Amino acid sequence: MDKPLTYAQVGATREGPLPAGYDHVHRDAPLGHGQATFDRAVDGLFHWRMHRAAGLSVRGADRPAAVGVDVTLALAFLTIPCRVVYTVDEPDRKGFGYGTLPGHPESGEEAFFVRMKDDGEVRFQLRAFSRPATLLVRLAGPIAMLVQRFATDRYVKAMQQVAHS
C-alpha cells in the first residue's frame, strides 16, 4: 500500500449521500432468490469472477477482496489500478468498495454489494462516484460517461451470470 489513493472521501460509497463534485452512479438489479443465489453471487464478487465475466483482466487478485488488496483491472489499452478500502460482511449484505490509485483514468470510488431482502430476493447494488483524473479523460467528456455506463451494464450482466453459475 505504498501508493496513495487519488481522492479524499474514502468509504463514501458505503452508504449515505455520495460526495458533491463527482459524477454519481447508482444501480440496483435483481439476481434471483434464495440463499444459494446469494452465496454464489457473494463468492463470485469477492473472488473477482464478476470483473472477469465483465471482460476485464484482473492482476494482483490472487486472494479474495479484502481491505488493502491492490488490483489492476485492464480492458484493451486501459489500465485501472484500484485498492479495496472497505468490506461489508452483514448477514443480508456483503460487498466491498475500492478506490482509485495513480494511473487510473478516473478519481473516485466504486462499491459492489449483494443484498438479500426479507422475502429472499437477492439484489446486486453498485454505487460509485468519480471524476476525470487526466486531461485526456476530461476532454473525452460524454464519451467517458458512456464508457462508465457501459462498464456498469457489464457488471450487472456479469453478476446475473455469476449468481446462476
Protein backbone atom coordinates (compact mmCIF):
# COMPACT_ATOMS: atom_id res chain seq x y z
CA MET A 1 0.00 0.00 0.00
CA ASP A 2 2.68 2.46 -0.94
CA LYS A 3 0.68 4.50 -3.46
CA PRO A 4 -1.88 6.96 -2.08
CA LEU A 5 -5.49 6.94 -3.20
CA THR A 6 -6.37 9.70 -5.65
CA TYR A 7 -9.38 11.10 -3.75
CA ALA A 8 -10.16 12.17 -0.18
CA GLN A 9 -13.64 10.77 0.53
CA VAL A 10 -12.57 7.21 1.35
CA GLY A 11 -15.54 4.99 2.25
CA ALA A 12 -18.21 7.37 0.96
CA THR A 13 -19.82 4.66 -1.19
CA ARG A 14 -20.65 2.52 1.86
CA GLU A 15 -23.96 4.32 2.47
CA GLY A 16 -25.49 7.75 2.61
CA PRO A 17 -25.17 10.52 0.04
CA LEU A 18 -22.26 10.45 -2.37
CA PRO A 19 -19.88 13.43 -2.30
CA ALA A 20 -20.55 16.54 -4.35
CA GLY A 21 -18.28 17.44 -7.24
CA TYR A 22 -18.31 13.97 -8.81
CA ASP A 23 -20.46 12.06 -11.27
CA HIS A 24 -22.59 9.51 -9.41
CA VAL A 25 -23.69 6.02 -10.40
CA HIS A 26 -26.42 4.03 -8.65
CA ARG A 27 -27.61 0.62 -9.87
CA ASP A 28 -29.86 -1.92 -8.22
CA ALA A 29 -30.60 -5.09 -10.18
CA PRO A 30 -32.25 -8.43 -9.37
CA LEU A 31 -30.12 -11.57 -9.24
CA GLY A 32 -32.71 -14.16 -8.19
CA HIS A 33 -33.95 -15.67 -4.94
CA GLY A 34 -32.63 -17.72 -2.06
CA GLN A 35 -29.54 -18.41 -0.03
CA ALA A 36 -27.78 -20.39 -2.78
CA THR A 37 -28.06 -17.45 -5.20
CA PHE A 38 -26.84 -15.07 -2.50
CA ASP A 39 -23.86 -17.30 -1.68
CA ARG A 40 -22.84 -17.76 -5.35
CA ALA A 41 -23.09 -14.03 -6.00
CA VAL A 42 -21.03 -13.13 -2.92
CA ASP A 43 -18.37 -15.72 -3.77
CA GLY A 44 -18.19 -14.50 -7.37
CA LEU A 45 -17.90 -10.90 -6.26
CA PHE A 46 -15.17 -11.43 -3.65
CA HIS A 47 -13.15 -13.76 -5.90
CA TRP A 48 -13.16 -11.28 -8.81
CA ARG A 49 -15.29 -13.50 -11.09
CA MET A 50 -17.72 -10.63 -11.68
CA HIS A 51 -14.89 -8.48 -13.04
CA ARG A 52 -13.59 -11.27 -15.26
CA ALA A 53 -17.10 -12.10 -16.52
CA ALA A 54 -17.48 -8.41 -17.39
CA GLY A 55 -14.49 -8.72 -19.72
CA LEU A 56 -11.75 -7.31 -17.52
CA SER A 57 -8.45 -8.93 -16.76
CA VAL A 58 -7.59 -8.80 -13.08
CA ARG A 59 -3.96 -8.67 -11.94
CA GLY A 60 -2.97 -8.88 -8.31
CA ALA A 61 -6.16 -10.71 -7.34
CA ASP A 62 -4.55 -13.89 -6.09
CA ARG A 63 -6.74 -13.65 -2.99
CA PRO A 64 -10.30 -12.53 -2.26
CA ALA A 65 -11.18 -8.86 -1.96
CA ALA A 66 -10.09 -7.57 1.44
CA VAL A 67 -9.10 -4.19 2.84
CA GLY A 68 -5.71 -3.19 1.48
CA VAL A 69 -5.73 -5.52 -1.54
CA ASP A 70 -4.46 -3.71 -4.64
CA VAL A 71 -5.65 -4.93 -8.02
CA THR A 72 -5.07 -3.72 -11.54
CA LEU A 73 -8.02 -4.18 -13.82
CA ALA A 74 -7.41 -3.92 -17.54
CA LEU A 75 -9.59 -3.59 -20.60
CA ALA A 76 -7.98 -3.26 -24.00
CA PHE A 77 -5.47 -0.42 -23.58
CA LEU A 78 -6.90 0.86 -20.28
CA THR A 79 -5.09 0.12 -17.03
CA ILE A 80 -7.28 0.57 -13.96
CA PRO A 81 -5.40 0.33 -10.63
CA CYS A 82 -7.58 0.14 -7.50
CA ARG A 83 -7.34 -0.64 -3.78
CA VAL A 84 -10.04 -2.26 -1.67
CA VAL A 85 -10.80 0.34 1.01
CA TYR A 86 -13.55 -1.44 2.96
CA THR A 87 -15.64 -4.58 3.08
CA VAL A 88 -19.17 -5.19 4.33
CA ASP A 89 -19.96 -8.53 5.97
CA GLU A 90 -23.52 -8.48 7.30
CA PRO A 91 -25.90 -11.48 7.26
CA ASP A 92 -28.01 -9.98 4.45
CA ARG A 93 -25.49 -7.62 2.78
CA LYS A 94 -21.94 -8.33 1.67
CA GLY A 95 -19.61 -6.44 -0.58
CA PHE A 96 -16.69 -4.09 -0.86
CA GLY A 97 -15.60 -0.73 -2.12
CA TYR A 98 -12.42 0.10 -3.94
CA GLY A 99 -10.77 3.39 -4.64
CA THR A 100 -8.66 4.69 -7.46
CA LEU A 101 -4.87 4.68 -7.41
CA PRO A 102 -2.45 6.75 -9.52
CA GLY A 103 -2.71 5.69 -13.17
CA HIS A 104 -6.49 5.16 -13.05
CA PRO A 105 -8.25 7.29 -15.69
CA GLU A 106 -10.81 8.41 -13.07
CA SER A 107 -10.58 9.55 -9.48
CA GLY A 108 -13.14 8.19 -7.02
CA GLU A 109 -14.63 5.07 -5.53
CA GLU A 110 -16.87 2.21 -6.61
CA ALA A 111 -18.72 -0.24 -4.38
CA PHE A 112 -20.46 -3.53 -5.08
CA PHE A 113 -22.98 -5.16 -2.75
CA VAL A 114 -25.02 -8.34 -2.80
CA ARG A 115 -28.13 -7.99 -0.66
CA MET A 116 -30.81 -10.47 0.35
CA LYS A 117 -34.15 -8.91 1.15
CA ASP A 118 -36.54 -10.25 3.79
CA ASP A 119 -38.57 -12.06 1.11
CA GLY A 120 -35.45 -13.91 -0.15
CA GLU A 121 -34.93 -11.76 -3.25
CA VAL A 122 -31.24 -11.27 -4.00
CA ARG A 123 -30.13 -7.95 -5.47
CA PHE A 124 -26.88 -6.51 -6.79
CA GLN A 125 -26.21 -2.90 -5.88
CA LEU A 126 -23.50 -0.68 -7.28
CA ARG A 127 -22.63 2.81 -6.03
CA ALA A 128 -19.87 4.97 -7.40
CA PHE A 129 -18.57 8.49 -7.60
CA SER A 130 -15.88 9.60 -10.00
CA ARG A 131 -14.42 12.43 -12.00
CA PRO A 132 -11.73 12.54 -14.66
CA ALA A 133 -8.21 12.12 -13.34
CA THR A 134 -6.46 13.26 -16.50
CA LEU A 135 -6.88 15.97 -19.09
CA LEU A 136 -7.47 13.36 -21.78
CA VAL A 137 -10.39 11.84 -19.86
CA ARG A 138 -11.73 15.33 -19.11
CA LEU A 139 -11.63 16.16 -22.81
CA ALA A 140 -13.42 12.89 -23.60
CA GLY A 141 -16.39 14.20 -21.56
CA PRO A 142 -19.53 12.45 -22.82
CA ILE A 143 -17.52 9.53 -24.21
CA ALA A 144 -16.05 8.85 -20.76
CA MET A 145 -19.56 8.87 -19.29
CA LEU A 146 -20.69 6.35 -21.94
CA VAL A 147 -17.73 4.12 -21.08
CA GLN A 148 -18.73 4.26 -17.38
CA ARG A 149 -22.33 3.37 -18.24
CA PHE A 150 -21.14 0.52 -20.47
CA ALA A 151 -18.92 -0.83 -17.67
CA THR A 152 -21.77 -0.63 -15.17
CA ASP A 153 -24.09 -2.52 -17.52
CA ARG A 154 -21.39 -5.18 -17.97
CA TYR A 155 -21.02 -5.54 -14.19
CA VAL A 156 -24.77 -6.05 -13.78
CA LYS A 157 -24.92 -8.69 -16.54
CA ALA A 158 -21.81 -10.39 -15.17
CA MET A 159 -23.28 -10.58 -11.65
CA GLN A 160 -26.50 -12.05 -13.04
CA GLN A 161 -24.40 -14.68 -14.81
CA VAL A 162 -22.20 -15.38 -11.75
CA ALA A 163 -25.21 -15.71 -9.44
CA HIS A 164 -26.60 -18.54 -11.61
CA SER A 165 -23.41 -20.43 -12.48
